[in-house]
């Protein structure tokens, strides 16, 4: 995994991931309204259509609900469902690439696990 591999991830999926993390970490709780598409686009410096696509993926997965004329809200059960979904993404897509990089760089996994985070 290199910086280039992060760039390979479509922007809408990176935004979706940002929102998922914010929901999991409690920035947006179940029932909370998410920022409008335009507000989130301005906050992240991205195109509103790209943000709309990120929101749509969360809606398609049932993590957010639309209240017509009001906005998008975090759905009940979204935190637990996102944890399950994000765990699966990590284990099937991210970890294999990270493990390959660890092996390629001859990093001792036990040493890596013992390191303190900054």
PDB file of N, CA and C in Angstrom:
ATOM      1  N   UNK A   1       0.864  -1.167   0.000  1.00  0.00           N
ATOM      2  CA  UNK A   1       0.000   0.000   0.000  1.00  0.00           C
ATOM      3  C   UNK A   1       0.904   1.222   0.000  1.00  0.00           C
ATOM      4  N   UNK A   2       0.704   2.070  -0.929  1.00  0.00           N
ATOM      5  CA  UNK A   2       1.481   3.293  -1.039  1.00  0.00           C
ATOM      6  C   UNK A   2       0.511   4.449  -1.173  1.00  0.00           C
ATOM      7  N   UNK A   3       1.060   5.647  -1.204  1.00  0.00           N
ATOM      8  CA  UNK A   3       0.197   6.813  -1.413  1.00  0.00           C
ATOM      9  C   UNK A   3      -0.554   6.666  -2.729  1.00  0.00           C
ATOM     10  N   UNK A   4       0.110   6.087  -3.718  1.00  0.00           N
ATOM     11  CA  UNK A   4      -0.539   5.905  -5.018  1.00  0.00           C
ATOM     12  C   UNK A   4      -1.752   4.999  -4.894  1.00  0.00           C
ATOM     13  N   UNK A   5      -1.682   3.967  -4.037  1.00  0.00           N
ATOM     14  CA  UNK A   5      -2.823   3.069  -3.922  1.00  0.00           C
ATOM     15  C   UNK A   5      -4.009   3.766  -3.259  1.00  0.00           C
ATOM     16  N   UNK A   6      -3.747   4.716  -2.335  1.00  0.00           N
ATOM     17  CA  UNK A   6      -4.833   5.502  -1.746  1.00  0.00           C
ATOM     18  C   UNK A   6      -5.501   6.341  -2.825  1.00  0.00           C
ATOM     19  N   UNK A   7      -4.698   6.892  -3.725  1.00  0.00           N
ATOM     20  CA  UNK A   7      -5.235   7.717  -4.804  1.00  0.00           C
ATOM     21  C   UNK A   7      -6.088   6.902  -5.775  1.00  0.00           C
ATOM     22  N   UNK A   8      -5.917   5.585  -5.772  1.00  0.00           N
ATOM     23  CA  UNK A   8      -6.700   4.738  -6.662  1.00  0.00           C
ATOM     24  C   UNK A   8      -8.143   4.598  -6.177  1.00  0.00           C
ATOM     25  N   UNK A   9      -8.394   4.923  -4.909  1.00  0.00           N
ATOM     26  CA  UNK A   9      -9.734   4.809  -4.356  1.00  0.00           C
ATOM     27  C   UNK A   9     -10.546   6.001  -4.839  1.00  0.00           C
ATOM     28  N   UNK A  10     -11.703   5.761  -5.457  1.00  0.00           N
ATOM     29  CA  UNK A  10     -12.523   6.879  -5.943  1.00  0.00           C
ATOM     30  C   UNK A  10     -12.856   7.848  -4.807  1.00  0.00           C
ATOM     31  N   UNK A  11     -12.926   9.124  -5.148  1.00  0.00           N
ATOM     32  CA  UNK A  11     -13.165  10.166  -4.154  1.00  0.00           C
ATOM     33  C   UNK A  11     -14.470   9.918  -3.399  1.00  0.00           C
ATOM     34  N   UNK A  12     -15.514   9.501  -4.094  1.00  0.00           N
ATOM     35  CA  UNK A  12     -16.785   9.305  -3.402  1.00  0.00           C
ATOM     36  C   UNK A  12     -16.676   8.217  -2.335  1.00  0.00           C
ATOM     37  N   UNK A  13     -15.837   7.195  -2.575  1.00  0.00           N
ATOM     38  CA  UNK A  13     -15.650   6.151  -1.569  1.00  0.00           C
ATOM     39  C   UNK A  13     -14.809   6.650  -0.401  1.00  0.00           C
ATOM     40  N   UNK A  14     -13.856   7.529  -0.679  1.00  0.00           N
ATOM     41  CA  UNK A  14     -13.084   8.128   0.419  1.00  0.00           C
ATOM     42  C   UNK A  14     -14.005   8.988   1.288  1.00  0.00           C
ATOM     43  N   UNK A  15     -14.896   9.748   0.656  1.00  0.00           N
ATOM     44  CA  UNK A  15     -15.849  10.573   1.411  1.00  0.00           C
ATOM     45  C   UNK A  15     -16.807   9.695   2.206  1.00  0.00           C
ATOM     46  N   UNK A  16     -17.269   8.627   1.596  1.00  0.00           N
ATOM     47  CA  UNK A  16     -18.142   7.686   2.287  1.00  0.00           C
ATOM     48  C   UNK A  16     -17.424   7.127   3.516  1.00  0.00           C
ATOM     49  N   UNK A  17     -16.146   6.795   3.355  1.00  0.00           N
ATOM     50  CA  UNK A  17     -15.354   6.290   4.467  1.00  0.00           C
ATOM     51  C   UNK A  17     -15.196   7.316   5.579  1.00  0.00           C
ATOM     52  N   UNK A  18     -14.989   8.573   5.196  1.00  0.00           N
ATOM     53  CA  UNK A  18     -14.885   9.650   6.187  1.00  0.00           C
ATOM     54  C   UNK A  18     -16.172   9.750   6.998  1.00  0.00           C
ATOM     55  N   UNK A  19     -17.295   9.728   6.293  1.00  0.00           N
ATOM     56  CA  UNK A  19     -18.587   9.816   6.976  1.00  0.00           C
ATOM     57  C   UNK A  19     -18.832   8.600   7.864  1.00  0.00           C
ATOM     58  N   UNK A  20     -18.467   7.422   7.376  1.00  0.00           N
ATOM     59  CA  UNK A  20     -18.638   6.203   8.171  1.00  0.00           C
ATOM     60  C   UNK A  20     -17.841   6.305   9.468  1.00  0.00           C
ATOM     61  N   UNK A  21     -16.613   6.770   9.386  1.00  0.00           N
ATOM     62  CA  UNK A  21     -15.773   6.928  10.579  1.00  0.00           C
ATOM     63  C   UNK A  21     -16.395   7.943  11.532  1.00  0.00           C
ATOM     64  N   UNK A  22     -16.880   9.049  10.983  1.00  0.00           N
ATOM     65  CA  UNK A  22     -17.488  10.076  11.829  1.00  0.00           C
ATOM     66  C   UNK A  22     -18.736   9.545  12.538  1.00  0.00           C
ATOM     67  N   UNK A  23     -19.482   8.690  11.873  1.00  0.00           N
ATOM     68  CA  UNK A  23     -20.664   8.083  12.494  1.00  0.00           C
ATOM     69  C   UNK A  23     -20.227   7.080  13.563  1.00  0.00           C
ATOM     70  N   UNK A  24     -19.270   6.234  13.244  1.00  0.00           N
ATOM     71  CA  UNK A  24     -18.783   5.235  14.200  1.00  0.00           C
ATOM     72  C   UNK A  24     -18.198   5.912  15.446  1.00  0.00           C
ATOM     73  N   UNK A  25     -17.447   6.998  15.233  1.00  0.00           N
ATOM     74  CA  UNK A  25     -16.800   7.680  16.354  1.00  0.00           C
ATOM     75  C   UNK A  25     -17.745   8.598  17.127  1.00  0.00           C
ATOM     76  N   UNK A  26     -18.976   8.763  16.654  1.00  0.00           N
ATOM     77  CA  UNK A  26     -19.964   9.532  17.394  1.00  0.00           C
ATOM     78  C   UNK A  26     -20.070  10.999  17.044  1.00  0.00           C
ATOM     79  N   UNK A  27     -19.366  11.448  16.026  1.00  0.00           N
ATOM     80  CA  UNK A  27     -19.545  12.845  15.613  1.00  0.00           C
ATOM     81  C   UNK A  27     -20.982  13.067  15.168  1.00  0.00           C
ATOM     82  N   UNK A  28     -21.502  12.078  14.454  1.00  0.00           N
ATOM     83  CA  UNK A  28     -22.919  12.078  14.083  1.00  0.00           C
ATOM     84  C   UNK A  28     -23.533  10.836  14.714  1.00  0.00           C
ATOM     85  N   UNK A  29     -24.473  11.056  15.605  1.00  0.00           N
ATOM     86  CA  UNK A  29     -25.132   9.949  16.306  1.00  0.00           C
ATOM     87  C   UNK A  29     -26.399   9.540  15.551  1.00  0.00           C
ATOM     88  N   UNK A  30     -26.898   8.377  15.910  1.00  0.00           N
ATOM     89  CA  UNK A  30     -28.133   7.901  15.299  1.00  0.00           C
ATOM     90  C   UNK A  30     -29.218   8.952  15.505  1.00  0.00           C
ATOM     91  N   UNK A  31     -29.863   9.327  14.420  1.00  0.00           N
ATOM     92  CA  UNK A  31     -30.899  10.352  14.459  1.00  0.00           C
ATOM     93  C   UNK A  31     -30.396  11.743  14.139  1.00  0.00           C
ATOM     94  N   UNK A  32     -29.077  11.944  14.164  1.00  0.00           N
ATOM     95  CA  UNK A  32     -28.504  13.259  13.844  1.00  0.00           C
ATOM     96  C   UNK A  32     -28.584  13.535  12.349  1.00  0.00           C
ATOM     97  N   UNK A  33     -28.726  14.805  12.037  1.00  0.00           N
ATOM     98  CA  UNK A  33     -28.727  15.223  10.640  1.00  0.00           C
ATOM     99  C   UNK A  33     -27.291  15.373  10.158  1.00  0.00           C
ATOM    100  N   UNK A  34     -27.020  14.864   8.965  1.00  0.00           N
ATOM    101  CA  UNK A  34     -25.714  15.059   8.340  1.00  0.00           C
ATOM    102  C   UNK A  34     -25.691  16.442   7.698  1.00  0.00           C
ATOM    103  N   UNK A  35     -24.492  16.974   7.459  1.00  0.00           N
ATOM    104  CA  UNK A  35     -24.424  18.255   6.757  1.00  0.00           C
ATOM    105  C   UNK A  35     -25.068  18.126   5.372  1.00  0.00           C
ATOM    106  N   UNK A  36     -25.551  19.226   4.857  1.00  0.00           N
ATOM    107  CA  UNK A  36     -26.092  19.192   3.499  1.00  0.00           C
ATOM    108  C   UNK A  36     -24.979  18.814   2.530  1.00  0.00           C
ATOM    109  N   UNK A  37     -25.370  18.367   1.359  1.00  0.00           N
ATOM    110  CA  UNK A  37     -24.392  18.000   0.334  1.00  0.00           C
ATOM    111  C   UNK A  37     -23.468  19.184   0.058  1.00  0.00           C
ATOM    112  N   UNK A  38     -24.040  20.355  -0.100  1.00  0.00           N
ATOM    113  CA  UNK A  38     -23.219  21.543  -0.391  1.00  0.00           C
ATOM    114  C   UNK A  38     -22.285  21.887   0.752  1.00  0.00           C
ATOM    115  N   UNK A  39     -22.773  21.790   1.991  1.00  0.00           N
ATOM    116  CA  UNK A  39     -21.931  22.104   3.150  1.00  0.00           C
ATOM    117  C   UNK A  39     -20.777  21.119   3.266  1.00  0.00           C
ATOM    118  N   UNK A  40     -21.054  19.822   3.072  1.00  0.00           N
ATOM    119  CA  UNK A  40     -19.986  18.820   3.168  1.00  0.00           C
ATOM    120  C   UNK A  40     -19.005  18.962   2.018  1.00  0.00           C
ATOM    121  N   UNK A  41     -19.510  19.311   0.836  1.00  0.00           N
ATOM    122  CA  UNK A  41     -18.627  19.539  -0.312  1.00  0.00           C
ATOM    123  C   UNK A  41     -17.687  20.706  -0.028  1.00  0.00           C
ATOM    124  N   UNK A  42     -18.220  21.782   0.552  1.00  0.00           N
ATOM    125  CA  UNK A  42     -17.388  22.941   0.878  1.00  0.00           C
ATOM    126  C   UNK A  42     -16.368  22.575   1.954  1.00  0.00           C
ATOM    127  N   UNK A  43     -16.791  21.800   2.942  1.00  0.00           N
ATOM    128  CA  UNK A  43     -15.903  21.393   4.034  1.00  0.00           C
ATOM    129  C   UNK A  43     -14.745  20.533   3.532  1.00  0.00           C
ATOM    130  N   UNK A  44     -15.033  19.675   2.562  1.00  0.00           N
ATOM    131  CA  UNK A  44     -14.017  18.743   2.069  1.00  0.00           C
ATOM    132  C   UNK A  44     -13.338  19.205   0.787  1.00  0.00           C
ATOM    133  N   UNK A  45     -13.832  20.292   0.204  1.00  0.00           N
ATOM    134  CA  UNK A  45     -13.245  20.795  -1.045  1.00  0.00           C
ATOM    135  C   UNK A  45     -13.502  19.883  -2.228  1.00  0.00           C
ATOM    136  N   UNK A  46     -14.666  19.249  -2.220  1.00  0.00           N
ATOM    137  CA  UNK A  46     -15.004  18.335  -3.309  1.00  0.00           C
ATOM    138  C   UNK A  46     -16.265  18.797  -4.035  1.00  0.00           C
ATOM    139  N   UNK A  47     -16.507  18.171  -5.155  1.00  0.00           N
ATOM    140  CA  UNK A  47     -17.663  18.489  -5.978  1.00  0.00           C
ATOM    141  C   UNK A  47     -18.943  17.995  -5.297  1.00  0.00           C
ATOM    142  N   UNK A  48     -20.003  18.811  -5.264  1.00  0.00           N
ATOM    143  CA  UNK A  48     -21.264  18.364  -4.652  1.00  0.00           C
ATOM    144  C   UNK A  48     -21.820  17.077  -5.260  1.00  0.00           C
ATOM    145  N   UNK A  49     -21.613  16.850  -6.541  1.00  0.00           N
ATOM    146  CA  UNK A  49     -22.099  15.610  -7.148  1.00  0.00           C
ATOM    147  C   UNK A  49     -21.360  14.397  -6.581  1.00  0.00           C
ATOM    148  N   UNK A  50     -20.085  14.573  -6.274  1.00  0.00           N
ATOM    149  CA  UNK A  50     -19.296  13.500  -5.672  1.00  0.00           C
ATOM    150  C   UNK A  50     -19.791  13.215  -4.258  1.00  0.00           C
ATOM    151  N   UNK A  51     -20.073  14.272  -3.508  1.00  0.00           N
ATOM    152  CA  UNK A  51     -20.622  14.118  -2.152  1.00  0.00           C
ATOM    153  C   UNK A  51     -21.983  13.428  -2.231  1.00  0.00           C
ATOM    154  N   UNK A  52     -22.804  13.832  -3.175  1.00  0.00           N
ATOM    155  CA  UNK A  52     -24.128  13.220  -3.331  1.00  0.00           C
ATOM    156  C   UNK A  52     -23.994  11.716  -3.583  1.00  0.00           C
ATOM    157  N   UNK A  53     -22.995  11.327  -4.354  1.00  0.00           N
ATOM    158  CA  UNK A  53     -22.770   9.907  -4.628  1.00  0.00           C
ATOM    159  C   UNK A  53     -22.341   9.174  -3.354  1.00  0.00           C
ATOM    160  N   UNK A  54     -21.504   9.799  -2.545  1.00  0.00           N
ATOM    161  CA  UNK A  54     -21.088   9.205  -1.267  1.00  0.00           C
ATOM    162  C   UNK A  54     -22.290   9.026  -0.352  1.00  0.00           C
ATOM    163  N   UNK A  55     -23.126  10.060  -0.258  1.00  0.00           N
ATOM    164  CA  UNK A  55     -24.336   9.986   0.560  1.00  0.00           C
ATOM    165  C   UNK A  55     -25.257   8.886   0.041  1.00  0.00           C
ATOM    166  N   UNK A  56     -25.355   8.772  -1.272  1.00  0.00           N
ATOM    167  CA  UNK A  56     -26.228   7.762  -1.867  1.00  0.00           C
ATOM    168  C   UNK A  56     -25.769   6.358  -1.482  1.00  0.00           C
ATOM    169  N   UNK A  57     -24.461   6.113  -1.432  1.00  0.00           N
ATOM    170  CA  UNK A  57     -23.982   4.782  -1.044  1.00  0.00           C
ATOM    171  C   UNK A  57     -24.367   4.474   0.402  1.00  0.00           C
ATOM    172  N   UNK A  58     -24.273   5.479   1.270  1.00  0.00           N
ATOM    173  CA  UNK A  58     -24.682   5.270   2.661  1.00  0.00           C
ATOM    174  C   UNK A  58     -26.186   5.022   2.761  1.00  0.00           C
ATOM    175  N   UNK A  59     -26.948   5.725   1.932  1.00  0.00           N
ATOM    176  CA  UNK A  59     -28.405   5.527   1.908  1.00  0.00           C
ATOM    177  C   UNK A  59     -28.737   4.143   1.359  1.00  0.00           C
ATOM    178  N   UNK A  60     -28.082   3.745   0.276  1.00  0.00           N
ATOM    179  CA  UNK A  60     -28.337   2.434  -0.327  1.00  0.00           C
ATOM    180  C   UNK A  60     -28.068   1.303   0.667  1.00  0.00           C
ATOM    181  N   UNK A  61     -27.071   1.502   1.529  1.00  0.00           N
ATOM    182  CA  UNK A  61     -26.724   0.486   2.529  1.00  0.00           C
ATOM    183  C   UNK A  61     -27.582   0.587   3.788  1.00  0.00           C
ATOM    184  N   UNK A  62     -28.473   1.574   3.845  1.00  0.00           N
ATOM    185  CA  UNK A  62     -29.379   1.714   4.975  1.00  0.00           C
ATOM    186  C   UNK A  62     -28.787   2.409   6.193  1.00  0.00           C
ATOM    187  N   UNK A  63     -27.629   3.068   6.019  1.00  0.00           N
ATOM    188  CA  UNK A  63     -26.978   3.739   7.141  1.00  0.00           C
ATOM    189  C   UNK A  63     -27.509   5.146   7.373  1.00  0.00           C
ATOM    190  N   UNK A  64     -28.068   5.742   6.347  1.00  0.00           N
ATOM    191  CA  UNK A  64     -28.692   7.057   6.486  1.00  0.00           C
ATOM    192  C   UNK A  64     -30.066   7.011   5.834  1.00  0.00           C
ATOM    193  N   UNK A  65     -30.933   7.876   6.306  1.00  0.00           N
ATOM    194  CA  UNK A  65     -32.282   7.969   5.748  1.00  0.00           C
ATOM    195  C   UNK A  65     -32.533   9.409   5.333  1.00  0.00           C
ATOM    196  N   UNK A  66     -33.354   9.559   4.305  1.00  0.00           N
ATOM    197  CA  UNK A  66     -33.697  10.891   3.810  1.00  0.00           C
ATOM    198  C   UNK A  66     -35.057  11.275   4.353  1.00  0.00           C
ATOM    199  N   UNK A  67     -35.125  12.479   4.866  1.00  0.00           N
ATOM    200  CA  UNK A  67     -36.420  13.058   5.218  1.00  0.00           C
ATOM    201  C   UNK A  67     -36.645  14.148   4.197  1.00  0.00           C
ATOM    202  N   UNK A  68     -37.521  13.864   3.286  1.00  0.00           N
ATOM    203  CA  UNK A  68     -37.746  14.740   2.137  1.00  0.00           C
ATOM    204  C   UNK A  68     -37.950  16.189   2.572  1.00  0.00           C
ATOM    205  N   UNK A  69     -37.173  17.052   1.948  1.00  0.00           N
ATOM    206  CA  UNK A  69     -37.264  18.470   2.226  1.00  0.00           C
ATOM    207  C   UNK A  69     -36.524  18.908   3.480  1.00  0.00           C
ATOM    208  N   UNK A  70     -35.986  17.944   4.222  1.00  0.00           N
ATOM    209  CA  UNK A  70     -35.275  18.289   5.457  1.00  0.00           C
ATOM    210  C   UNK A  70     -33.793  17.945   5.353  1.00  0.00           C
ATOM    211  N   UNK A  71     -33.483  16.709   4.947  1.00  0.00           N
ATOM    212  CA  UNK A  71     -32.085  16.317   4.817  1.00  0.00           C
ATOM    213  C   UNK A  71     -31.856  14.850   5.088  1.00  0.00           C
ATOM    214  N   UNK A  72     -30.580  14.518   5.277  1.00  0.00           N
ATOM    215  CA  UNK A  72     -30.149  13.145   5.547  1.00  0.00           C
ATOM    216  C   UNK A  72     -29.861  12.996   7.024  1.00  0.00           C
ATOM    217  N   UNK A  73     -30.286  11.852   7.574  1.00  0.00           N
ATOM    218  CA  UNK A  73     -30.124  11.576   8.991  1.00  0.00           C
ATOM    219  C   UNK A  73     -29.512  10.197   9.181  1.00  0.00           C
ATOM    220  N   UNK A  74     -28.723  10.056  10.240  1.00  0.00           N
ATOM    221  CA  UNK A  74     -28.125   8.764  10.558  1.00  0.00           C
ATOM    222  C   UNK A  74     -29.249   7.820  10.995  1.00  0.00           C
ATOM    223  N   UNK A  75     -29.295   6.669  10.360  1.00  0.00           N
ATOM    224  CA  UNK A  75     -30.365   5.698  10.609  1.00  0.00           C
ATOM    225  C   UNK A  75     -30.156   4.977  11.941  1.00  0.00           C
ATOM    226  N   UNK A  76     -31.242   4.539  12.547  1.00  0.00           N
ATOM    227  CA  UNK A  76     -31.112   3.701  13.746  1.00  0.00           C
ATOM    228  C   UNK A  76     -30.319   2.436  13.409  1.00  0.00           C
ATOM    229  N   UNK A  77     -29.399   2.052  14.278  1.00  0.00           N
ATOM    230  CA  UNK A  77     -28.590   0.859  14.051  1.00  0.00           C
ATOM    231  C   UNK A  77     -27.401   1.067  13.135  1.00  0.00           C
ATOM    232  N   UNK A  78     -27.206   2.297  12.652  1.00  0.00           N
ATOM    233  CA  UNK A  78     -26.140   2.557  11.686  1.00  0.00           C
ATOM    234  C   UNK A  78     -24.752   2.302  12.264  1.00  0.00           C
ATOM    235  N   UNK A  79     -24.542   2.652  13.521  1.00  0.00           N
ATOM    236  CA  UNK A  79     -23.210   2.491  14.117  1.00  0.00           C
ATOM    237  C   UNK A  79     -22.792   1.023  14.097  1.00  0.00           C
ATOM    238  N   UNK A  80     -23.642   0.154  14.606  1.00  0.00           N
ATOM    239  CA  UNK A  80     -23.302  -1.270  14.635  1.00  0.00           C
ATOM    240  C   UNK A  80     -23.156  -1.835  13.229  1.00  0.00           C
ATOM    241  N   UNK A  81     -24.057  -1.463  12.334  1.00  0.00           N
ATOM    242  CA  UNK A  81     -23.989  -1.961  10.960  1.00  0.00           C
ATOM    243  C   UNK A  81     -22.729  -1.477  10.259  1.00  0.00           C
ATOM    244  N   UNK A  82     -22.358  -0.217  10.484  1.00  0.00           N
ATOM    245  CA  UNK A  82     -21.136   0.309   9.866  1.00  0.00           C
ATOM    246  C   UNK A  82     -19.900  -0.366  10.424  1.00  0.00           C
ATOM    247  N   UNK A  83     -19.886  -0.654  11.719  1.00  0.00           N
ATOM    248  CA  UNK A  83     -18.738  -1.358  12.300  1.00  0.00           C
ATOM    249  C   UNK A  83     -18.547  -2.719  11.634  1.00  0.00           C
ATOM    250  N   UNK A  84     -19.638  -3.434  11.439  1.00  0.00           N
ATOM    251  CA  UNK A  84     -19.562  -4.737  10.781  1.00  0.00           C
ATOM    252  C   UNK A  84     -19.055  -4.570   9.349  1.00  0.00           C
ATOM    253  N   UNK A  85     -19.634  -3.619   8.631  1.00  0.00           N
ATOM    254  CA  UNK A  85     -19.263  -3.402   7.230  1.00  0.00           C
ATOM    255  C   UNK A  85     -17.818  -2.924   7.107  1.00  0.00           C
ATOM    256  N   UNK A  86     -17.407  -1.972   7.937  1.00  0.00           N
ATOM    257  CA  UNK A  86     -16.044  -1.450   7.879  1.00  0.00           C
ATOM    258  C   UNK A  86     -15.024  -2.512   8.291  1.00  0.00           C
ATOM    259  N   UNK A  87     -15.377  -3.360   9.251  1.00  0.00           N
ATOM    260  CA  UNK A  87     -14.502  -4.455   9.666  1.00  0.00           C
ATOM    261  C   UNK A  87     -14.261  -5.397   8.490  1.00  0.00           C
ATOM    262  N   UNK A  88     -15.324  -5.722   7.772  1.00  0.00           N
ATOM    263  CA  UNK A  88     -15.209  -6.614   6.618  1.00  0.00           C
ATOM    264  C   UNK A  88     -14.348  -5.989   5.516  1.00  0.00           C
ATOM    265  N   UNK A  89     -14.546  -4.710   5.266  1.00  0.00           N
ATOM    266  CA  UNK A  89     -13.728  -4.009   4.267  1.00  0.00           C
ATOM    267  C   UNK A  89     -12.262  -4.051   4.672  1.00  0.00           C
ATOM    268  N   UNK A  90     -11.992  -3.792   5.950  1.00  0.00           N
ATOM    269  CA  UNK A  90     -10.607  -3.820   6.427  1.00  0.00           C
ATOM    270  C   UNK A  90      -9.990  -5.201   6.251  1.00  0.00           C
ATOM    271  N   UNK A  91     -10.703  -6.227   6.687  1.00  0.00           N
ATOM    272  CA  UNK A  91     -10.141  -7.573   6.658  1.00  0.00           C
ATOM    273  C   UNK A  91      -9.972  -8.133   5.252  1.00  0.00           C
ATOM    274  N   UNK A  92     -10.847  -7.753   4.330  1.00  0.00           N
ATOM    275  CA  UNK A  92     -10.774  -8.331   2.985  1.00  0.00           C
ATOM    276  C   UNK A  92     -10.025  -7.478   1.967  1.00  0.00           C
ATOM    277  N   UNK A  93     -10.001  -6.159   2.173  1.00  0.00           N
ATOM    278  CA  UNK A  93      -9.381  -5.286   1.171  1.00  0.00           C
ATOM    279  C   UNK A  93      -8.127  -4.578   1.665  1.00  0.00           C
ATOM    280  N   UNK A  94      -8.184  -4.066   2.875  1.00  0.00           N
ATOM    281  CA  UNK A  94      -7.081  -3.239   3.365  1.00  0.00           C
ATOM    282  C   UNK A  94      -5.980  -4.089   3.993  1.00  0.00           C
ATOM    283  N   UNK A  95      -6.353  -4.978   4.917  1.00  0.00           N
ATOM    284  CA  UNK A  95      -5.341  -5.759   5.614  1.00  0.00           C
ATOM    285  C   UNK A  95      -4.457  -6.584   4.678  1.00  0.00           C
ATOM    286  N   UNK A  96      -4.989  -7.275   3.664  1.00  0.00           N
ATOM    287  CA  UNK A  96      -4.086  -8.035   2.786  1.00  0.00           C
ATOM    288  C   UNK A  96      -3.025  -7.154   2.116  1.00  0.00           C
ATOM    289  N   UNK A  97      -3.397  -5.946   1.740  1.00  0.00           N
ATOM    290  CA  UNK A  97      -2.426  -5.036   1.112  1.00  0.00           C
ATOM    291  C   UNK A  97      -1.424  -4.526   2.136  1.00  0.00           C
ATOM    292  N   UNK A  98      -1.909  -4.234   3.356  1.00  0.00           N
ATOM    293  CA  UNK A  98      -1.001  -3.799   4.414  1.00  0.00           C
ATOM    294  C   UNK A  98      -0.034  -4.925   4.775  1.00  0.00           C
ATOM    295  N   UNK A  99      -0.551  -6.135   4.894  1.00  0.00           N
ATOM    296  CA  UNK A  99       0.294  -7.280   5.246  1.00  0.00           C
ATOM    297  C   UNK A  99       1.359  -7.505   4.184  1.00  0.00           C
ATOM    298  N   UNK A 100       0.985  -7.381   2.921  1.00  0.00           N
ATOM    299  CA  UNK A 100       1.961  -7.536   1.838  1.00  0.00           C
ATOM    300  C   UNK A 100       3.042  -6.468   1.936  1.00  0.00           C
ATOM    301  N   UNK A 101       2.666  -5.236   2.273  1.00  0.00           N
ATOM    302  CA  UNK A 101       3.648  -4.157   2.421  1.00  0.00           C
ATOM    303  C   UNK A 101       4.554  -4.429   3.623  1.00  0.00           C
ATOM    304  N   UNK A 102       3.988  -4.882   4.716  1.00  0.00           N
ATOM    305  CA  UNK A 102       4.784  -5.232   5.896  1.00  0.00           C
ATOM    306  C   UNK A 102       5.817  -6.300   5.528  1.00  0.00           C
ATOM    307  N   UNK A 103       5.396  -7.322   4.808  1.00  0.00           N
ATOM    308  CA  UNK A 103       6.309  -8.387   4.386  1.00  0.00           C
ATOM    309  C   UNK A 103       7.377  -7.861   3.429  1.00  0.00           C
ATOM    310  N   UNK A 104       6.956  -7.036   2.485  1.00  0.00           N
ATOM    311  CA  UNK A 104       7.879  -6.489   1.490  1.00  0.00           C
ATOM    312  C   UNK A 104       8.966  -5.639   2.146  1.00  0.00           C
ATOM    313  N   UNK A 105       8.610  -4.936   3.217  1.00  0.00           N
ATOM    314  CA  UNK A 105       9.570  -4.067   3.910  1.00  0.00           C
ATOM    315  C   UNK A 105      10.284  -4.778   5.056  1.00  0.00           C
ATOM    316  N   UNK A 106      10.030  -6.077   5.205  1.00  0.00           N
ATOM    317  CA  UNK A 106      10.647  -6.878   6.272  1.00  0.00           C
ATOM    318  C   UNK A 106      10.424  -6.272   7.648  1.00  0.00           C
ATOM    319  N   UNK A 107       9.186  -5.865   7.922  1.00  0.00           N
ATOM    320  CA  UNK A 107       8.834  -5.326   9.230  1.00  0.00           C
ATOM    321  C   UNK A 107       8.357  -6.486  10.096  1.00  0.00           C
ATOM    322  N   UNK A 108       8.926  -6.599  11.295  1.00  0.00           N
ATOM    323  CA  UNK A 108       8.518  -7.637  12.222  1.00  0.00           C
ATOM    324  C   UNK A 108       7.151  -7.262  12.809  1.00  0.00           C
ATOM    325  N   UNK A 109       6.158  -8.123  12.617  1.00  0.00           N
ATOM    326  CA  UNK A 109       4.797  -7.816  13.037  1.00  0.00           C
ATOM    327  C   UNK A 109       4.718  -7.619  14.547  1.00  0.00           C
ATOM    328  N   UNK A 110       5.432  -8.433  15.329  1.00  0.00           N
ATOM    329  CA  UNK A 110       5.370  -8.282  16.784  1.00  0.00           C
ATOM    330  C   UNK A 110       5.957  -6.938  17.211  1.00  0.00           C
ATOM    331  N   UNK A 111       7.019  -6.504  16.558  1.00  0.00           N
ATOM    332  CA  UNK A 111       7.589  -5.185  16.857  1.00  0.00           C
ATOM    333  C   UNK A 111       6.603  -4.086  16.474  1.00  0.00           C
ATOM    334  N   UNK A 112       5.967  -4.254  15.348  1.00  0.00           N
ATOM    335  CA  UNK A 112       4.990  -3.282  14.885  1.00  0.00           C
ATOM    336  C   UNK A 112       3.837  -3.181  15.873  1.00  0.00           C
ATOM    337  N   UNK A 113       3.355  -4.311  16.381  1.00  0.00           N
ATOM    338  CA  UNK A 113       2.229  -4.304  17.302  1.00  0.00           C
ATOM    339  C   UNK A 113       2.613  -3.709  18.667  1.00  0.00           C
ATOM    340  N   UNK A 114       3.890  -3.802  19.010  1.00  0.00           N
ATOM    341  CA  UNK A 114       4.347  -3.274  20.310  1.00  0.00           C
ATOM    342  C   UNK A 114       4.608  -1.779  20.281  1.00  0.00           C
ATOM    343  N   UNK A 115       4.675  -1.201  19.095  1.00  0.00           N
ATOM    344  CA  UNK A 115       4.978   0.237  18.989  1.00  0.00           C
ATOM    345  C   UNK A 115       3.830   1.064  19.514  1.00  0.00           C
ATOM    346  N   UNK A 116       4.181   2.135  20.175  1.00  0.00           N
ATOM    347  CA  UNK A 116       3.156   3.074  20.639  1.00  0.00           C
ATOM    348  C   UNK A 116       2.773   3.979  19.491  1.00  0.00           C
ATOM    349  N   UNK A 117       1.525   4.372  19.466  1.00  0.00           N
ATOM    350  CA  UNK A 117       1.086   5.309  18.440  1.00  0.00           C
ATOM    351  C   UNK A 117       1.425   6.709  18.883  1.00  0.00           C
ATOM    352  N   UNK A 118       1.710   7.548  17.905  1.00  0.00           N
ATOM    353  CA  UNK A 118       2.096   8.928  18.216  1.00  0.00           C
ATOM    354  C   UNK A 118       0.893   9.765  18.514  1.00  0.00           C
TER     355      UNK A 118
END
